[in-house]
Amino acid sequence: MFWGVLIGILAAGVFGARALGMDSIDLMAMYTEMGIGIGIGVGTAAVIFTIGAGVVSAIDYSRKRKAY
C-alpha cells in the first residue's frame, strides 16, 4: 500500500506539471524511466527475499537435523 501511495503521488505530480503548462516534459520518457526503476526495485526485492528465505530455511533445516 505504501508503494501504491508513492506511485499515486508521483503520477499526480506528473499530470499536475503537465496541467500547469510544463509541456517540455516528455511523459513517455518519464514513464519509461519509472518502469525501469520499478523493475530494478522489484528485482532487488525478489533477490533479497530469496536470500532471506534461503537462510531461514537452512537454519530451520539444521535445527531439525540436530533434534534427532
N, C-alpha and C. Protein backbone atom coordinates (compact mmCIF):
# COMPACT_ATOMS: atom_id res chain seq x y z
N MET A 1 0.83 -1.19 0.00
CA MET A 1 0.00 0.00 0.00
C MET A 1 0.87 1.25 0.00
N PHE A 2 1.97 1.19 0.73
CA PHE A 2 2.88 2.33 0.80
C PHE A 2 3.39 2.70 -0.58
N TRP A 3 3.80 1.69 -1.37
CA TRP A 3 4.32 1.96 -2.71
C TRP A 3 3.23 2.46 -3.63
N GLY A 4 2.01 1.96 -3.43
CA GLY A 4 0.89 2.45 -4.23
C GLY A 4 0.64 3.93 -4.00
N VAL A 5 0.74 4.35 -2.74
CA VAL A 5 0.57 5.77 -2.41
C VAL A 5 1.68 6.59 -3.05
N LEU A 6 2.91 6.12 -2.97
CA LEU A 6 4.03 6.86 -3.57
C LEU A 6 3.89 6.96 -5.08
N ILE A 7 3.49 5.89 -5.73
CA ILE A 7 3.31 5.92 -7.18
C ILE A 7 2.16 6.86 -7.54
N GLY A 8 1.11 6.84 -6.75
CA GLY A 8 -0.01 7.75 -6.99
C GLY A 8 0.40 9.21 -6.86
N ILE A 9 1.20 9.52 -5.85
CA ILE A 9 1.68 10.90 -5.67
C ILE A 9 2.57 11.31 -6.84
N LEU A 10 3.42 10.39 -7.29
CA LEU A 10 4.29 10.68 -8.43
C LEU A 10 3.48 10.91 -9.70
N ALA A 11 2.50 10.06 -9.93
CA ALA A 11 1.66 10.23 -11.13
C ALA A 11 0.88 11.53 -11.06
N ALA A 12 0.36 11.87 -9.88
CA ALA A 12 -0.36 13.14 -9.73
C ALA A 12 0.57 14.32 -9.99
N GLY A 13 1.80 14.23 -9.55
CA GLY A 13 2.77 15.29 -9.80
C GLY A 13 3.08 15.44 -11.28
N VAL A 14 3.18 14.31 -11.97
CA VAL A 14 3.46 14.36 -13.42
C VAL A 14 2.29 15.02 -14.15
N PHE A 15 1.08 14.59 -13.84
CA PHE A 15 -0.09 15.18 -14.51
C PHE A 15 -0.29 16.63 -14.09
N GLY A 16 0.03 16.94 -12.84
CA GLY A 16 -0.07 18.33 -12.39
C GLY A 16 0.90 19.23 -13.12
N ALA A 17 2.11 18.76 -13.31
CA ALA A 17 3.10 19.55 -14.05
C ALA A 17 2.66 19.74 -15.49
N ARG A 18 2.05 18.73 -16.05
CA ARG A 18 1.55 18.83 -17.42
C ARG A 18 0.42 19.85 -17.50
N ALA A 19 -0.47 19.85 -16.50
CA ALA A 19 -1.61 20.77 -16.50
C ALA A 19 -1.16 22.21 -16.27
N LEU A 20 -0.05 22.39 -15.58
CA LEU A 20 0.42 23.75 -15.29
C LEU A 20 1.19 24.36 -16.46
N GLY A 21 1.30 23.64 -17.54
CA GLY A 21 1.92 24.21 -18.72
C GLY A 21 3.36 23.83 -18.94
N MET A 22 3.83 22.85 -18.25
CA MET A 22 5.21 22.40 -18.46
C MET A 22 5.21 21.38 -19.59
N ASP A 23 4.97 21.83 -20.79
CA ASP A 23 4.84 20.93 -21.93
C ASP A 23 6.17 20.38 -22.41
N SER A 24 7.25 20.92 -21.92
CA SER A 24 8.55 20.42 -22.36
C SER A 24 8.88 19.06 -21.73
N ILE A 25 8.08 18.62 -20.76
CA ILE A 25 8.32 17.33 -20.13
C ILE A 25 7.83 16.22 -21.06
N ASP A 26 8.68 15.26 -21.34
CA ASP A 26 8.32 14.13 -22.18
C ASP A 26 7.78 13.02 -21.28
N LEU A 27 6.45 12.85 -21.28
CA LEU A 27 5.83 11.88 -20.38
C LEU A 27 6.23 10.45 -20.72
N MET A 28 6.37 10.15 -21.99
CA MET A 28 6.74 8.78 -22.36
C MET A 28 8.12 8.42 -21.81
N ALA A 29 9.05 9.34 -21.91
CA ALA A 29 10.39 9.08 -21.37
C ALA A 29 10.34 8.96 -19.85
N MET A 30 9.51 9.78 -19.23
CA MET A 30 9.41 9.73 -17.77
C MET A 30 8.81 8.40 -17.31
N TYR A 31 7.74 7.96 -18.00
CA TYR A 31 7.14 6.69 -17.63
C TYR A 31 8.07 5.51 -17.94
N THR A 32 8.87 5.63 -18.98
CA THR A 32 9.85 4.59 -19.27
C THR A 32 10.87 4.50 -18.14
N GLU A 33 11.34 5.64 -17.67
CA GLU A 33 12.29 5.64 -16.55
C GLU A 33 11.64 5.10 -15.29
N MET A 34 10.38 5.45 -15.06
CA MET A 34 9.67 4.92 -13.89
C MET A 34 9.55 3.40 -13.99
N GLY A 35 9.24 2.90 -15.18
CA GLY A 35 9.11 1.45 -15.38
C GLY A 35 10.42 0.74 -15.14
N ILE A 36 11.50 1.31 -15.62
CA ILE A 36 12.82 0.72 -15.39
C ILE A 36 13.15 0.72 -13.90
N GLY A 37 12.86 1.81 -13.22
CA GLY A 37 13.11 1.89 -11.78
C GLY A 37 12.27 0.89 -11.00
N ILE A 38 11.01 0.74 -11.40
CA ILE A 38 10.15 -0.24 -10.73
C ILE A 38 10.68 -1.65 -10.96
N GLY A 39 11.12 -1.92 -12.18
CA GLY A 39 11.68 -3.25 -12.47
C GLY A 39 12.92 -3.54 -11.65
N ILE A 40 13.80 -2.56 -11.53
CA ILE A 40 15.00 -2.73 -10.71
C ILE A 40 14.63 -2.94 -9.25
N GLY A 41 13.66 -2.18 -8.76
CA GLY A 41 13.23 -2.32 -7.37
C GLY A 41 12.62 -3.68 -7.08
N VAL A 42 11.75 -4.14 -7.98
CA VAL A 42 11.11 -5.44 -7.79
C VAL A 42 12.15 -6.56 -7.88
N GLY A 43 13.07 -6.43 -8.82
CA GLY A 43 14.12 -7.44 -8.94
C GLY A 43 15.00 -7.50 -7.71
N THR A 44 15.38 -6.35 -7.19
CA THR A 44 16.20 -6.30 -5.98
C THR A 44 15.46 -6.89 -4.79
N ALA A 45 14.18 -6.54 -4.65
CA ALA A 45 13.38 -7.07 -3.55
C ALA A 45 13.24 -8.59 -3.66
N ALA A 46 13.07 -9.10 -4.88
CA ALA A 46 12.94 -10.54 -5.06
C ALA A 46 14.23 -11.27 -4.69
N VAL A 47 15.37 -10.69 -5.06
CA VAL A 47 16.66 -11.31 -4.71
C VAL A 47 16.86 -11.31 -3.21
N ILE A 48 16.58 -10.19 -2.56
CA ILE A 48 16.75 -10.10 -1.10
C ILE A 48 15.81 -11.07 -0.40
N PHE A 49 14.55 -11.16 -0.87
CA PHE A 49 13.60 -12.08 -0.26
C PHE A 49 14.07 -13.53 -0.43
N THR A 50 14.56 -13.86 -1.62
CA THR A 50 15.02 -15.23 -1.88
C THR A 50 16.21 -15.59 -1.00
N ILE A 51 17.15 -14.68 -0.84
CA ILE A 51 18.30 -14.93 0.02
C ILE A 51 17.85 -15.10 1.47
N GLY A 52 16.98 -14.22 1.93
CA GLY A 52 16.48 -14.32 3.30
C GLY A 52 15.72 -15.61 3.53
N ALA A 53 14.87 -15.99 2.59
CA ALA A 53 14.12 -17.25 2.73
C ALA A 53 15.07 -18.44 2.73
N GLY A 54 16.10 -18.39 1.92
CA GLY A 54 17.08 -19.47 1.90
C GLY A 54 17.82 -19.60 3.21
N VAL A 55 18.20 -18.47 3.79
CA VAL A 55 18.91 -18.50 5.08
C VAL A 55 18.01 -19.05 6.18
N VAL A 56 16.76 -18.59 6.21
CA VAL A 56 15.82 -19.07 7.23
C VAL A 56 15.56 -20.57 7.05
N SER A 57 15.40 -20.99 5.79
CA SER A 57 15.17 -22.41 5.52
C SER A 57 16.37 -23.26 5.94
N ALA A 58 17.58 -22.77 5.67
CA ALA A 58 18.78 -23.51 6.06
C ALA A 58 18.90 -23.60 7.57
N ILE A 59 18.61 -22.53 8.27
CA ILE A 59 18.67 -22.56 9.74
C ILE A 59 17.64 -23.52 10.29
N ASP A 60 16.42 -23.49 9.73
CA ASP A 60 15.36 -24.39 10.19
C ASP A 60 15.74 -25.84 9.93
N TYR A 61 16.30 -26.10 8.76
CA TYR A 61 16.71 -27.48 8.42
C TYR A 61 17.81 -27.97 9.35
N SER A 62 18.77 -27.10 9.64
CA SER A 62 19.87 -27.53 10.51
C SER A 62 19.38 -27.76 11.94
N ARG A 63 18.42 -26.99 12.38
CA ARG A 63 17.88 -27.19 13.74
C ARG A 63 17.09 -28.49 13.81
N LYS A 64 16.36 -28.82 12.76
CA LYS A 64 15.61 -30.07 12.76
C LYS A 64 16.54 -31.27 12.70
N ARG A 65 17.64 -31.15 11.98
CA ARG A 65 18.58 -32.26 11.88
C ARG A 65 19.26 -32.52 13.23
N LYS A 66 19.51 -31.48 14.01
CA LYS A 66 20.16 -31.65 15.32
C LYS A 66 19.19 -32.24 16.35
N ALA A 67 17.88 -32.09 16.13
CA ALA A 67 16.91 -32.58 17.10
C ALA A 67 16.90 -34.10 17.17
N TYR A 68 17.26 -34.78 16.09
CA TYR A 68 17.26 -36.24 16.10
C TYR A 68 18.54 -36.69 16.68
